[in-house]
Structure formats: structure tokens, C-alpha cells
Amino acid sequence: MATKHPRQQLFVEPCEACGDDTPHDVSISIVTESKKKANTEFSREPYRVTVCSVCGLQTQQRMNNV
């Protein structure tokens, strides 16, 4: 389950699908990675979510890759 903060920022970034720098909506989502109910409060991780404003390609990247 992911939650998205209502505030988003527009950034110009490379898009793999478009093959060019395009505007992207960028947000942070908190994703619960564990499927076990007992551990859900300890398995939430921040993800950077980008959506290309031209083609709609969405990508997610975990923020704290350890």
C-alpha cells in the first residue's frame, strides 16, 4: 500500500520512453514492503515516484537503499 503526499513538484528529467528531457511530476510515497501484518509498522520505506508529463511513464526508486 502506498500513500502519496498531495504536494507535488514539476522537474525536467530524462525519460527512457520519450528519449528526451521532459517535465515530470515528482512525489514521495511511503510503501509498506512487508506482507506480514505483524511487521507492517517497521517495513514502511520512502520511494521517489516520477511520472512523465508527456508519455505517462511512472517510475519508483527506493530512497534509502542500504
Protein backbone atom coordinates (compact mmCIF):
# COMPACT_ATOMS: atom_id res chain seq x y z
CA MET A 1 0.00 0.00 0.00
CA ALA A 2 1.34 3.42 -0.92
CA THR A 3 0.29 6.84 0.23
CA LYS A 4 1.05 9.96 -1.74
CA HIS A 5 1.51 13.43 -0.33
CA PRO A 6 -0.79 15.90 -2.11
CA ARG A 7 2.04 18.35 -2.79
CA GLN A 8 3.97 17.56 -5.98
CA GLN A 9 6.83 19.28 -7.78
CA LEU A 10 7.49 19.51 -11.54
CA PHE A 11 11.04 18.65 -12.64
CA VAL A 12 12.66 18.29 -16.06
CA GLU A 13 14.35 14.89 -16.16
CA PRO A 14 15.40 12.30 -18.76
CA CYS A 15 12.59 9.94 -19.80
CA GLU A 16 13.54 6.47 -21.05
CA ALA A 17 10.34 6.11 -23.08
CA CYS A 18 10.48 9.57 -24.71
CA GLY A 19 14.25 9.54 -25.16
CA ASP A 20 14.49 13.20 -24.14
CA ASP A 21 14.39 15.52 -21.14
CA THR A 22 10.71 16.04 -20.30
CA PRO A 23 8.71 17.54 -17.41
CA HIS A 24 7.97 15.04 -14.64
CA ASP A 25 5.63 15.15 -11.67
CA VAL A 26 7.75 14.06 -8.69
CA SER A 27 6.40 12.94 -5.34
CA ILE A 28 7.37 10.84 -2.34
CA SER A 29 5.31 7.78 -1.42
CA ILE A 30 5.54 5.67 1.72
CA VAL A 31 5.36 1.99 0.71
CA THR A 32 4.74 -0.87 3.12
CA GLU A 33 7.06 -3.63 1.91
CA SER A 34 6.13 -6.42 4.32
CA LYS A 35 3.14 -8.64 3.60
CA LYS A 36 3.01 -9.78 7.24
CA LYS A 37 0.59 -7.80 9.38
CA ALA A 38 2.80 -8.14 12.45
CA ASN A 39 5.68 -6.22 10.81
CA THR A 40 3.93 -3.55 8.75
CA GLU A 41 4.81 -0.68 11.10
CA PHE A 42 8.51 -1.49 10.66
CA SER A 43 8.50 -2.06 6.90
CA ARG A 44 7.47 1.35 5.55
CA GLU A 45 10.02 2.85 3.19
CA PRO A 46 10.09 6.17 1.27
CA TYR A 47 10.05 5.95 -2.53
CA ARG A 48 10.64 8.72 -5.07
CA VAL A 49 7.88 8.47 -7.69
CA THR A 50 8.20 10.20 -11.07
CA VAL A 51 5.57 10.42 -13.80
CA CYS A 52 6.47 11.78 -17.22
CA SER A 53 4.05 14.56 -18.16
CA VAL A 54 4.45 13.71 -21.87
CA CYS A 55 4.06 9.90 -22.07
CA GLY A 56 2.86 8.98 -18.55
CA LEU A 57 5.71 6.57 -17.76
CA GLN A 58 5.86 6.08 -13.98
CA THR A 59 9.00 5.00 -12.13
CA GLN A 60 9.67 4.35 -8.44
CA GLN A 61 13.03 4.37 -6.66
CA ARG A 62 13.58 3.43 -3.05
CA MET A 63 15.10 6.43 -1.27
CA ASN A 64 17.19 4.68 1.37
CA ASN A 65 18.93 1.84 -0.41
CA VAL A 66 21.16 0.42 2.30
